[in-house]
């Protein structure tokens, strides 16, 4: 069971160049940290995937072990854990988040589907 959850997480991360694991949804975040993350991620102007961990308790329990990051939200870009709310805000304020997101979108557009 745990292996299938890990495979599901890995597939989500691989299939989505920008994915936010959060409490709630971008339109209705269920905690202040998720709301902050969505605010700054949305300000970058690109679409992103999300997973509501409140509706996915299996992911909520396994992702912290998989990522070695105990809290939510968790932002992943191009298969790499970026971090949580504080890191997202800090990176945005330094214009790092915008640059990483632009690179992720550019890289994803150059991938040719077979």
PDB file of N, CA and C in Angstrom:
ATOM      1  N   UNK A   1       0.824  -1.205   0.000  1.00  0.00           N
ATOM      2  CA  UNK A   1       0.000   0.000   0.000  1.00  0.00           C
ATOM      3  C   UNK A   1       0.863   1.261   0.000  1.00  0.00           C
ATOM      4  N   UNK A   2       1.876   1.280   0.884  1.00  0.00           N
ATOM      5  CA  UNK A   2       2.756   2.455   0.953  1.00  0.00           C
ATOM      6  C   UNK A   2       3.482   2.646  -0.376  1.00  0.00           C
ATOM      7  N   UNK A   3       3.917   1.541  -0.979  1.00  0.00           N
ATOM      8  CA  UNK A   3       4.621   1.650  -2.263  1.00  0.00           C
ATOM      9  C   UNK A   3       3.744   2.281  -3.334  1.00  0.00           C
ATOM     10  N   UNK A   4       2.465   1.922  -3.361  1.00  0.00           N
ATOM     11  CA  UNK A   4       1.583   2.496  -4.382  1.00  0.00           C
ATOM     12  C   UNK A   4       1.350   3.987  -4.124  1.00  0.00           C
ATOM     13  N   UNK A   5       1.332   4.395  -2.866  1.00  0.00           N
ATOM     14  CA  UNK A   5       1.181   5.817  -2.543  1.00  0.00           C
ATOM     15  C   UNK A   5       2.427   6.577  -2.981  1.00  0.00           C
ATOM     16  N   UNK A   6       3.606   6.001  -2.721  1.00  0.00           N
ATOM     17  CA  UNK A   6       4.863   6.632  -3.141  1.00  0.00           C
ATOM     18  C   UNK A   6       4.910   6.734  -4.661  1.00  0.00           C
ATOM     19  N   UNK A   7       4.481   5.691  -5.348  1.00  0.00           N
ATOM     20  CA  UNK A   7       4.450   5.726  -6.817  1.00  0.00           C
ATOM     21  C   UNK A   7       3.496   6.809  -7.311  1.00  0.00           C
ATOM     22  N   UNK A   8       2.375   6.975  -6.633  1.00  0.00           N
ATOM     23  CA  UNK A   8       1.409   8.014  -6.995  1.00  0.00           C
ATOM     24  C   UNK A   8       2.036   9.400  -6.821  1.00  0.00           C
ATOM     25  N   UNK A   9       2.723   9.611  -5.709  1.00  0.00           N
ATOM     26  CA  UNK A   9       3.398  10.885  -5.451  1.00  0.00           C
ATOM     27  C   UNK A   9       4.463  11.139  -6.516  1.00  0.00           C
ATOM     28  N   UNK A  10       5.278  10.128  -6.795  1.00  0.00           N
ATOM     29  CA  UNK A  10       6.340  10.280  -7.804  1.00  0.00           C
ATOM     30  C   UNK A  10       5.759  10.610  -9.171  1.00  0.00           C
ATOM     31  N   UNK A  11       4.648   9.970  -9.515  1.00  0.00           N
ATOM     32  CA  UNK A  11       4.002  10.231 -10.808  1.00  0.00           C
ATOM     33  C   UNK A  11       3.485  11.671 -10.862  1.00  0.00           C
ATOM     34  N   UNK A  12       2.850  12.130  -9.782  1.00  0.00           N
ATOM     35  CA  UNK A  12       2.341  13.503  -9.748  1.00  0.00           C
ATOM     36  C   UNK A  12       3.478  14.506  -9.921  1.00  0.00           C
ATOM     37  N   UNK A  13       4.570  14.284  -9.227  1.00  0.00           N
ATOM     38  CA  UNK A  13       5.715  15.196  -9.292  1.00  0.00           C
ATOM     39  C   UNK A  13       6.340  15.179 -10.686  1.00  0.00           C
ATOM     40  N   UNK A  14       6.424  13.988 -11.283  1.00  0.00           N
ATOM     41  CA  UNK A  14       7.030  13.858 -12.613  1.00  0.00           C
ATOM     42  C   UNK A  14       6.142  14.477 -13.700  1.00  0.00           C
ATOM     43  N   UNK A  15       4.835  14.307 -13.575  1.00  0.00           N
ATOM     44  CA  UNK A  15       3.909  14.759 -14.624  1.00  0.00           C
ATOM     45  C   UNK A  15       3.582  16.243 -14.546  1.00  0.00           C
ATOM     46  N   UNK A  16       3.913  16.885 -13.450  1.00  0.00           N
ATOM     47  CA  UNK A  16       3.570  18.297 -13.260  1.00  0.00           C
ATOM     48  C   UNK A  16       4.827  19.100 -12.951  1.00  0.00           C
ATOM     49  N   UNK A  17       5.255  19.953 -13.871  1.00  0.00           N
ATOM     50  CA  UNK A  17       6.492  20.704 -13.628  1.00  0.00           C
ATOM     51  C   UNK A  17       6.404  21.613 -12.405  1.00  0.00           C
ATOM     52  N   UNK A  18       5.194  22.053 -12.065  1.00  0.00           N
ATOM     53  CA  UNK A  18       4.982  22.879 -10.869  1.00  0.00           C
ATOM     54  C   UNK A  18       3.787  22.287 -10.139  1.00  0.00           C
ATOM     55  N   UNK A  19       4.027  21.793  -8.930  1.00  0.00           N
ATOM     56  CA  UNK A  19       2.942  21.196  -8.152  1.00  0.00           C
ATOM     57  C   UNK A  19       3.056  21.628  -6.698  1.00  0.00           C
ATOM     58  N   UNK A  20       1.924  21.997  -6.149  1.00  0.00           N
ATOM     59  CA  UNK A  20       1.848  22.449  -4.766  1.00  0.00           C
ATOM     60  C   UNK A  20       0.967  21.474  -3.991  1.00  0.00           C
ATOM     61  N   UNK A  21       1.538  20.864  -2.978  1.00  0.00           N
ATOM     62  CA  UNK A  21       0.774  20.044  -2.042  1.00  0.00           C
ATOM     63  C   UNK A  21       0.336  20.981  -0.932  1.00  0.00           C
ATOM     64  N   UNK A  22      -0.968  21.125  -0.769  1.00  0.00           N
ATOM     65  CA  UNK A  22      -1.493  22.162   0.113  1.00  0.00           C
ATOM     66  C   UNK A  22      -2.745  21.694   0.838  1.00  0.00           C
ATOM     67  N   UNK A  23      -3.173  22.484   1.787  1.00  0.00           N
ATOM     68  CA  UNK A  23      -4.440  22.239   2.477  1.00  0.00           C
ATOM     69  C   UNK A  23      -5.501  23.093   1.786  1.00  0.00           C
ATOM     70  N   UNK A  24      -6.472  22.420   1.167  1.00  0.00           N
ATOM     71  CA  UNK A  24      -7.506  23.107   0.415  1.00  0.00           C
ATOM     72  C   UNK A  24      -7.140  23.219  -1.051  1.00  0.00           C
ATOM     73  N   UNK A  25      -7.721  24.213  -1.694  1.00  0.00           N
ATOM     74  CA  UNK A  25      -7.471  24.444  -3.122  1.00  0.00           C
ATOM     75  C   UNK A  25      -7.011  25.887  -3.310  1.00  0.00           C
ATOM     76  N   UNK A  26      -6.453  26.214  -4.471  1.00  0.00           N
ATOM     77  CA  UNK A  26      -6.042  27.601  -4.700  1.00  0.00           C
ATOM     78  C   UNK A  26      -7.186  28.601  -4.521  1.00  0.00           C
ATOM     79  N   UNK A  27      -8.393  28.210  -4.891  1.00  0.00           N
ATOM     80  CA  UNK A  27      -9.519  29.131  -4.745  1.00  0.00           C
ATOM     81  C   UNK A  27     -10.081  29.153  -3.317  1.00  0.00           C
ATOM     82  N   UNK A  28      -9.818  28.106  -2.546  1.00  0.00           N
ATOM     83  CA  UNK A  28     -10.278  28.042  -1.161  1.00  0.00           C
ATOM     84  C   UNK A  28      -9.243  27.352  -0.278  1.00  0.00           C
ATOM     85  N   UNK A  29      -8.127  28.030  -0.015  1.00  0.00           N
ATOM     86  CA  UNK A  29      -7.115  27.434   0.858  1.00  0.00           C
ATOM     87  C   UNK A  29      -7.691  27.222   2.267  1.00  0.00           C
ATOM     88  N   UNK A  30      -7.260  26.149   2.916  1.00  0.00           N
ATOM     89  CA  UNK A  30      -7.795  25.815   4.238  1.00  0.00           C
ATOM     90  C   UNK A  30      -6.846  26.179   5.378  1.00  0.00           C
ATOM     91  N   UNK A  31      -5.763  26.846   5.064  1.00  0.00           N
ATOM     92  CA  UNK A  31      -4.888  27.352   6.128  1.00  0.00           C
ATOM     93  C   UNK A  31      -4.135  28.574   5.602  1.00  0.00           C
ATOM     94  N   UNK A  32      -3.665  29.380   6.516  1.00  0.00           N
ATOM     95  CA  UNK A  32      -2.975  30.612   6.146  1.00  0.00           C
ATOM     96  C   UNK A  32      -1.697  30.382   5.372  1.00  0.00           C
ATOM     97  N   UNK A  33      -0.957  29.317   5.709  1.00  0.00           N
ATOM     98  CA  UNK A  33       0.301  29.033   5.004  1.00  0.00           C
ATOM     99  C   UNK A  33       0.029  28.647   3.553  1.00  0.00           C
ATOM    100  N   UNK A  34      -1.000  27.826   3.338  1.00  0.00           N
ATOM    101  CA  UNK A  34      -1.363  27.458   1.969  1.00  0.00           C
ATOM    102  C   UNK A  34      -1.852  28.680   1.197  1.00  0.00           C
ATOM    103  N   UNK A  35      -2.606  29.553   1.863  1.00  0.00           N
ATOM    104  CA  UNK A  35      -3.095  30.778   1.213  1.00  0.00           C
ATOM    105  C   UNK A  35      -1.924  31.657   0.781  1.00  0.00           C
ATOM    106  N   UNK A  36      -0.936  31.806   1.649  1.00  0.00           N
ATOM    107  CA  UNK A  36       0.261  32.601   1.315  1.00  0.00           C
ATOM    108  C   UNK A  36       1.004  31.987   0.126  1.00  0.00           C
ATOM    109  N   UNK A  37       1.190  30.666   0.169  1.00  0.00           N
ATOM    110  CA  UNK A  37       1.902  29.987  -0.914  1.00  0.00           C
ATOM    111  C   UNK A  37       1.199  30.211  -2.244  1.00  0.00           C
ATOM    112  N   UNK A  38      -0.122  30.056  -2.262  1.00  0.00           N
ATOM    113  CA  UNK A  38      -0.909  30.252  -3.482  1.00  0.00           C
ATOM    114  C   UNK A  38      -0.780  31.693  -3.966  1.00  0.00           C
ATOM    115  N   UNK A  39      -0.854  32.632  -3.051  1.00  0.00           N
ATOM    116  CA  UNK A  39      -0.769  34.051  -3.407  1.00  0.00           C
ATOM    117  C   UNK A  39       0.529  34.347  -4.161  1.00  0.00           C
ATOM    118  N   UNK A  40       1.653  33.910  -3.623  1.00  0.00           N
ATOM    119  CA  UNK A  40       2.930  34.223  -4.241  1.00  0.00           C
ATOM    120  C   UNK A  40       3.186  33.376  -5.483  1.00  0.00           C
ATOM    121  N   UNK A  41       2.740  32.138  -5.464  1.00  0.00           N
ATOM    122  CA  UNK A  41       2.892  31.292  -6.644  1.00  0.00           C
ATOM    123  C   UNK A  41       2.038  31.829  -7.788  1.00  0.00           C
ATOM    124  N   UNK A  42       0.825  32.233  -7.495  1.00  0.00           N
ATOM    125  CA  UNK A  42      -0.062  32.801  -8.524  1.00  0.00           C
ATOM    126  C   UNK A  42       0.487  34.105  -9.082  1.00  0.00           C
ATOM    127  N   UNK A  43       1.161  34.873  -8.243  1.00  0.00           N
ATOM    128  CA  UNK A  43       1.734  36.149  -8.679  1.00  0.00           C
ATOM    129  C   UNK A  43       2.830  35.955  -9.729  1.00  0.00           C
ATOM    130  N   UNK A  44       3.326  34.736  -9.847  1.00  0.00           N
ATOM    131  CA  UNK A  44       4.344  34.450 -10.874  1.00  0.00           C
ATOM    132  C   UNK A  44       3.725  34.311 -12.255  1.00  0.00           C
ATOM    133  N   UNK A  45       2.404  34.177 -12.319  1.00  0.00           N
ATOM    134  CA  UNK A  45       1.700  34.227 -13.592  1.00  0.00           C
ATOM    135  C   UNK A  45       1.646  32.949 -14.396  1.00  0.00           C
ATOM    136  N   UNK A  46       2.021  31.833 -13.820  1.00  0.00           N
ATOM    137  CA  UNK A  46       1.966  30.563 -14.559  1.00  0.00           C
ATOM    138  C   UNK A  46       1.009  29.607 -13.853  1.00  0.00           C
ATOM    139  N   UNK A  47       0.456  28.712 -14.629  1.00  0.00           N
ATOM    140  CA  UNK A  47      -0.431  27.705 -14.067  1.00  0.00           C
ATOM    141  C   UNK A  47       0.389  26.688 -13.280  1.00  0.00           C
ATOM    142  N   UNK A  48      -0.231  26.121 -12.269  1.00  0.00           N
ATOM    143  CA  UNK A  48       0.423  25.079 -11.490  1.00  0.00           C
ATOM    144  C   UNK A  48      -0.611  24.053 -11.047  1.00  0.00           C
ATOM    145  N   UNK A  49      -0.140  22.852 -10.831  1.00  0.00           N
ATOM    146  CA  UNK A  49      -1.003  21.790 -10.325  1.00  0.00           C
ATOM    147  C   UNK A  49      -1.006  21.856  -8.804  1.00  0.00           C
ATOM    148  N   UNK A  50      -2.029  21.271  -8.218  1.00  0.00           N
ATOM    149  CA  UNK A  50      -2.067  21.205  -6.762  1.00  0.00           C
ATOM    150  C   UNK A  50      -2.735  19.907  -6.335  1.00  0.00           C
ATOM    151  N   UNK A  51      -2.433  19.503  -5.122  1.00  0.00           N
ATOM    152  CA  UNK A  51      -3.086  18.361  -4.499  1.00  0.00           C
ATOM    153  C   UNK A  51      -3.565  18.821  -3.131  1.00  0.00           C
ATOM    154  N   UNK A  52      -4.854  18.648  -2.885  1.00  0.00           N
ATOM    155  CA  UNK A  52      -5.439  18.973  -1.580  1.00  0.00           C
ATOM    156  C   UNK A  52      -5.173  17.784  -0.656  1.00  0.00           C
ATOM    157  N   UNK A  53      -4.240  17.956   0.264  1.00  0.00           N
ATOM    158  CA  UNK A  53      -3.876  16.841   1.141  1.00  0.00           C
ATOM    159  C   UNK A  53      -4.980  16.513   2.145  1.00  0.00           C
ATOM    160  N   UNK A  54      -5.912  17.432   2.361  1.00  0.00           N
ATOM    161  CA  UNK A  54      -7.026  17.140   3.259  1.00  0.00           C
ATOM    162  C   UNK A  54      -7.976  16.118   2.636  1.00  0.00           C
ATOM    163  N   UNK A  55      -8.028  16.097   1.306  1.00  0.00           N
ATOM    164  CA  UNK A  55      -8.863  15.124   0.601  1.00  0.00           C
ATOM    165  C   UNK A  55      -8.059  13.879   0.207  1.00  0.00           C
ATOM    166  N   UNK A  56      -6.766  13.898   0.472  1.00  0.00           N
ATOM    167  CA  UNK A  56      -5.881  12.785   0.140  1.00  0.00           C
ATOM    168  C   UNK A  56      -5.050  12.416   1.368  1.00  0.00           C
ATOM    169  N   UNK A  57      -5.684  11.792   2.376  1.00  0.00           N
ATOM    170  CA  UNK A  57      -4.967  11.494   3.615  1.00  0.00           C
ATOM    171  C   UNK A  57      -3.776  10.554   3.424  1.00  0.00           C
ATOM    172  N   UNK A  58      -3.831   9.695   2.401  1.00  0.00           N
ATOM    173  CA  UNK A  58      -2.699   8.813   2.130  1.00  0.00           C
ATOM    174  C   UNK A  58      -1.463   9.625   1.729  1.00  0.00           C
ATOM    175  N   UNK A  59      -1.644  10.627   0.888  1.00  0.00           N
ATOM    176  CA  UNK A  59      -0.533  11.491   0.481  1.00  0.00           C
ATOM    177  C   UNK A  59      -0.097  12.348   1.662  1.00  0.00           C
ATOM    178  N   UNK A  60      -1.057  12.827   2.429  1.00  0.00           N
ATOM    179  CA  UNK A  60      -0.732  13.649   3.602  1.00  0.00           C
ATOM    180  C   UNK A  60       0.170  12.895   4.574  1.00  0.00           C
ATOM    181  N   UNK A  61      -0.058  11.601   4.717  1.00  0.00           N
ATOM    182  CA  UNK A  61       0.748  10.832   5.666  1.00  0.00           C
ATOM    183  C   UNK A  61       2.102  10.417   5.097  1.00  0.00           C
ATOM    184  N   UNK A  62       2.173  10.161   3.798  1.00  0.00           N
ATOM    185  CA  UNK A  62       3.418   9.634   3.210  1.00  0.00           C
ATOM    186  C   UNK A  62       4.353  10.693   2.638  1.00  0.00           C
ATOM    187  N   UNK A  63       3.831  11.797   2.131  1.00  0.00           N
ATOM    188  CA  UNK A  63       4.690  12.800   1.494  1.00  0.00           C
ATOM    189  C   UNK A  63       5.766  13.349   2.427  1.00  0.00           C
ATOM    190  N   UNK A  64       5.462  13.642   3.692  1.00  0.00           N
ATOM    191  CA  UNK A  64       6.542  14.143   4.573  1.00  0.00           C
ATOM    192  C   UNK A  64       7.715  13.160   4.714  1.00  0.00           C
ATOM    193  N   UNK A  65       7.413  11.869   4.725  1.00  0.00           N
ATOM    194  CA  UNK A  65       8.502  10.869   4.786  1.00  0.00           C
ATOM    195  C   UNK A  65       9.267  10.826   3.466  1.00  0.00           C
ATOM    196  N   UNK A  66       8.520  10.891   2.364  1.00  0.00           N
ATOM    197  CA  UNK A  66       9.144  10.845   1.038  1.00  0.00           C
ATOM    198  C   UNK A  66      10.051  12.053   0.814  1.00  0.00           C
ATOM    199  N   UNK A  67       9.562  13.220   1.187  1.00  0.00           N
ATOM    200  CA  UNK A  67      10.292  14.470   0.904  1.00  0.00           C
ATOM    201  C   UNK A  67      11.272  14.856   2.004  1.00  0.00           C
ATOM    202  N   UNK A  68      11.146  14.201   3.158  1.00  0.00           N
ATOM    203  CA  UNK A  68      11.930  14.582   4.330  1.00  0.00           C
ATOM    204  C   UNK A  68      11.646  16.038   4.723  1.00  0.00           C
ATOM    205  N   UNK A  69      10.398  16.444   4.531  1.00  0.00           N
ATOM    206  CA  UNK A  69       9.932  17.794   4.859  1.00  0.00           C
ATOM    207  C   UNK A  69       8.621  17.610   5.625  1.00  0.00           C
ATOM    208  N   UNK A  70       8.564  18.001   6.903  1.00  0.00           N
ATOM    209  CA  UNK A  70       7.437  17.603   7.748  1.00  0.00           C
ATOM    210  C   UNK A  70       6.140  18.388   7.580  1.00  0.00           C
ATOM    211  N   UNK A  71       6.183  19.545   6.943  1.00  0.00           N
ATOM    212  CA  UNK A  71       5.006  20.412   6.944  1.00  0.00           C
ATOM    213  C   UNK A  71       4.447  20.642   5.545  1.00  0.00           C
ATOM    214  N   UNK A  72       3.274  21.236   5.521  1.00  0.00           N
ATOM    215  CA  UNK A  72       2.611  21.651   4.285  1.00  0.00           C
ATOM    216  C   UNK A  72       2.335  23.133   4.375  1.00  0.00           C
ATOM    217  N   UNK A  73       2.308  23.809   3.226  1.00  0.00           N
ATOM    218  CA  UNK A  73       2.407  23.315   1.857  1.00  0.00           C
ATOM    219  C   UNK A  73       3.829  22.897   1.496  1.00  0.00           C
ATOM    220  N   UNK A  74       3.909  22.135   0.394  1.00  0.00           N
ATOM    221  CA  UNK A  74       5.186  21.759  -0.200  1.00  0.00           C
ATOM    222  C   UNK A  74       5.120  22.095  -1.686  1.00  0.00           C
ATOM    223  N   UNK A  75       6.087  22.877  -2.141  1.00  0.00           N
ATOM    224  CA  UNK A  75       6.170  23.238  -3.552  1.00  0.00           C
ATOM    225  C   UNK A  75       7.273  22.428  -4.208  1.00  0.00           C
ATOM    226  N   UNK A  76       6.911  21.779  -5.312  1.00  0.00           N
ATOM    227  CA  UNK A  76       7.864  21.005  -6.119  1.00  0.00           C
ATOM    228  C   UNK A  76       7.926  21.621  -7.503  1.00  0.00           C
ATOM    229  N   UNK A  77       9.130  21.845  -8.001  1.00  0.00           N
ATOM    230  CA  UNK A  77       9.323  22.376  -9.353  1.00  0.00           C
ATOM    231  C   UNK A  77      10.345  21.495 -10.061  1.00  0.00           C
ATOM    232  N   UNK A  78       9.959  21.003 -11.239  1.00  0.00           N
ATOM    233  CA  UNK A  78      10.814  20.102 -12.028  1.00  0.00           C
ATOM    234  C   UNK A  78      11.357  18.948 -11.202  1.00  0.00           C
ATOM    235  N   UNK A  79      10.478  18.352 -10.394  1.00  0.00           N
ATOM    236  CA  UNK A  79      10.855  17.178  -9.623  1.00  0.00           C
ATOM    237  C   UNK A  79      11.673  17.453  -8.377  1.00  0.00           C
ATOM    238  N   UNK A  80      11.893  18.704  -8.063  1.00  0.00           N
ATOM    239  CA  UNK A  80      12.718  19.064  -6.912  1.00  0.00           C
ATOM    240  C   UNK A  80      11.872  19.789  -5.869  1.00  0.00           C
ATOM    241  N   UNK A  81      12.027  19.374  -4.616  1.00  0.00           N
ATOM    242  CA  UNK A  81      11.335  20.065  -3.534  1.00  0.00           C
ATOM    243  C   UNK A  81      11.959  21.436  -3.342  1.00  0.00           C
ATOM    244  N   UNK A  82      11.135  22.461  -3.454  1.00  0.00           N
ATOM    245  CA  UNK A  82      11.590  23.834  -3.229  1.00  0.00           C
ATOM    246  C   UNK A  82      11.461  24.174  -1.752  1.00  0.00           C
ATOM    247  N   UNK A  83      10.325  23.846  -1.164  1.00  0.00           N
ATOM    248  CA  UNK A  83      10.126  24.082   0.251  1.00  0.00           C
ATOM    249  C   UNK A  83       8.702  24.488   0.555  1.00  0.00           C
ATOM    250  N   UNK A  84       8.537  25.083   1.738  1.00  0.00           N
ATOM    251  CA  UNK A  84       7.225  25.478   2.210  1.00  0.00           C
ATOM    252  C   UNK A  84       6.972  26.965   2.074  1.00  0.00           C
ATOM    253  N   UNK A  85       6.016  27.439   2.815  1.00  0.00           N
ATOM    254  CA  UNK A  85       5.527  28.810   2.703  1.00  0.00           C
ATOM    255  C   UNK A  85       6.630  29.853   2.876  1.00  0.00           C
ATOM    256  N   UNK A  86       7.408  29.741   3.944  1.00  0.00           N
ATOM    257  CA  UNK A  86       8.447  30.751   4.210  1.00  0.00           C
ATOM    258  C   UNK A  86       9.460  30.831   3.068  1.00  0.00           C
ATOM    259  N   UNK A  87       9.839  29.684   2.540  1.00  0.00           N
ATOM    260  CA  UNK A  87      10.817  29.655   1.448  1.00  0.00           C
ATOM    261  C   UNK A  87      10.203  30.235   0.177  1.00  0.00           C
ATOM    262  N   UNK A  88       8.944  29.900  -0.090  1.00  0.00           N
ATOM    263  CA  UNK A  88       8.257  30.436  -1.268  1.00  0.00           C
ATOM    264  C   UNK A  88       8.228  31.962  -1.209  1.00  0.00           C
ATOM    265  N   UNK A  89       7.849  32.509  -0.063  1.00  0.00           N
ATOM    266  CA  UNK A  89       7.761  33.970   0.100  1.00  0.00           C
ATOM    267  C   UNK A  89       9.145  34.601  -0.047  1.00  0.00           C
ATOM    268  N   UNK A  90      10.135  34.011   0.607  1.00  0.00           N
ATOM    269  CA  UNK A  90      11.498  34.547   0.536  1.00  0.00           C
ATOM    270  C   UNK A  90      12.034  34.523  -0.894  1.00  0.00           C
ATOM    271  N   UNK A  91      11.819  33.409  -1.588  1.00  0.00           N
ATOM    272  CA  UNK A  91      12.290  33.310  -2.971  1.00  0.00           C
ATOM    273  C   UNK A  91      11.567  34.296  -3.876  1.00  0.00           C
ATOM    274  N   UNK A  92      10.270  34.486  -3.655  1.00  0.00           N
ATOM    275  CA  UNK A  92       9.514  35.447  -4.451  1.00  0.00           C
ATOM    276  C   UNK A  92      10.068  36.851  -4.246  1.00  0.00           C
ATOM    277  N   UNK A  93      10.307  37.212  -3.001  1.00  0.00           N
ATOM    278  CA  UNK A  93      10.800  38.554  -2.682  1.00  0.00           C
ATOM    279  C   UNK A  93      12.186  38.825  -3.256  1.00  0.00           C
ATOM    280  N   UNK A  94      12.945  37.780  -3.525  1.00  0.00           N
ATOM    281  CA  UNK A  94      14.282  37.916  -4.139  1.00  0.00           C
ATOM    282  C   UNK A  94      14.240  37.678  -5.649  1.00  0.00           C
ATOM    283  N   UNK A  95      13.036  37.515  -6.208  1.00  0.00           N
ATOM    284  CA  UNK A  95      12.830  37.224  -7.641  1.00  0.00           C
ATOM    285  C   UNK A  95      13.392  35.876  -8.079  1.00  0.00           C
ATOM    286  N   UNK A  96      13.733  35.015  -7.143  1.00  0.00           N
ATOM    287  CA  UNK A  96      14.229  33.681  -7.487  1.00  0.00           C
ATOM    288  C   UNK A  96      13.095  32.765  -7.928  1.00  0.00           C
ATOM    289  N   UNK A  97      11.953  32.852  -7.257  1.00  0.00           N
ATOM    290  CA  UNK A  97      10.834  31.976  -7.575  1.00  0.00           C
ATOM    291  C   UNK A  97      10.358  32.214  -9.002  1.00  0.00           C
ATOM    292  N   UNK A  98      10.239  33.476  -9.382  1.00  0.00           N
ATOM    293  CA  UNK A  98       9.787  33.809 -10.732  1.00  0.00           C
ATOM    294  C   UNK A  98      10.730  33.207 -11.772  1.00  0.00           C
ATOM    295  N   UNK A  99      12.038  33.290 -11.533  1.00  0.00           N
ATOM    296  CA  UNK A  99      13.026  32.760 -12.475  1.00  0.00           C
ATOM    297  C   UNK A  99      12.933  31.237 -12.582  1.00  0.00           C
ATOM    298  N   UNK A 100      12.811  30.569 -11.452  1.00  0.00           N
ATOM    299  CA  UNK A 100      12.726  29.103 -11.459  1.00  0.00           C
ATOM    300  C   UNK A 100      11.456  28.645 -12.177  1.00  0.00           C
ATOM    301  N   UNK A 101      10.371  29.348 -11.948  1.00  0.00           N
ATOM    302  CA  UNK A 101       9.109  28.981 -12.593  1.00  0.00           C
ATOM    303  C   UNK A 101       9.193  29.206 -14.101  1.00  0.00           C
ATOM    304  N   UNK A 102       9.783  30.320 -14.526  1.00  0.00           N
ATOM    305  CA  UNK A 102       9.947  30.561 -15.962  1.00  0.00           C
ATOM    306  C   UNK A 102      10.797  29.465 -16.605  1.00  0.00           C
ATOM    307  N   UNK A 103      11.858  29.049 -15.928  1.00  0.00           N
ATOM    308  CA  UNK A 103      12.713  27.968 -16.444  1.00  0.00           C
ATOM    309  C   UNK A 103      11.926  26.670 -16.542  1.00  0.00           C
ATOM    310  N   UNK A 104      11.113  26.380 -15.532  1.00  0.00           N
ATOM    311  CA  UNK A 104      10.334  25.140 -15.525  1.00  0.00           C
ATOM    312  C   UNK A 104       9.345  25.111 -16.677  1.00  0.00           C
ATOM    313  N   UNK A 105       8.694  26.235 -16.924  1.00  0.00           N
ATOM    314  CA  UNK A 105       7.717  26.314 -18.016  1.00  0.00           C
ATOM    315  C   UNK A 105       8.436  26.185 -19.360  1.00  0.00           C
ATOM    316  N   UNK A 106       9.552  26.878 -19.495  1.00  0.00           N
ATOM    317  CA  UNK A 106      10.321  26.808 -20.741  1.00  0.00           C
ATOM    318  C   UNK A 106      10.811  25.389 -20.995  1.00  0.00           C
ATOM    319  N   UNK A 107      11.345  24.756 -19.964  1.00  0.00           N
ATOM    320  CA  UNK A 107      11.836  23.380 -20.093  1.00  0.00           C
ATOM    321  C   UNK A 107      10.707  22.445 -20.476  1.00  0.00           C
ATOM    322  N   UNK A 108       9.558  22.624 -19.858  1.00  0.00           N
ATOM    323  CA  UNK A 108       8.413  21.749 -20.121  1.00  0.00           C
ATOM    324  C   UNK A 108       7.918  21.923 -21.546  1.00  0.00           C
ATOM    325  N   UNK A 109       7.944  23.134 -22.068  1.00  0.00           N
ATOM    326  CA  UNK A 109       7.475  23.373 -23.448  1.00  0.00           C
ATOM    327  C   UNK A 109       8.423  22.788 -24.475  1.00  0.00           C
ATOM    328  N   UNK A 110       9.690  22.606 -24.097  1.00  0.00           N
ATOM    329  CA  UNK A 110      10.635  22.046 -25.060  1.00  0.00           C
ATOM    330  C   UNK A 110      10.641  20.529 -25.047  1.00  0.00           C
ATOM    331  N   UNK A 111       9.965  19.916 -24.077  1.00  0.00           N
ATOM    332  CA  UNK A 111       9.889  18.452 -24.036  1.00  0.00           C
ATOM    333  C   UNK A 111       8.925  17.997 -25.114  1.00  0.00           C
ATOM    334  N   UNK A 112       9.407  17.118 -25.963  1.00  0.00           N
ATOM    335  CA  UNK A 112       8.576  16.604 -27.037  1.00  0.00           C
ATOM    336  C   UNK A 112       7.929  15.303 -26.588  1.00  0.00           C
ATOM    337  N   UNK A 113       6.639  15.202 -26.782  1.00  0.00           N
ATOM    338  CA  UNK A 113       5.927  13.970 -26.434  1.00  0.00           C
ATOM    339  C   UNK A 113       6.149  12.960 -27.539  1.00  0.00           C
ATOM    340  N   UNK A 114       6.411  11.744 -27.141  1.00  0.00           N
ATOM    341  CA  UNK A 114       6.633  10.657 -28.117  1.00  0.00           C
ATOM    342  C   UNK A 114       5.327  10.008 -28.523  1.00  0.00           C
TER     343      UNK A 114
END
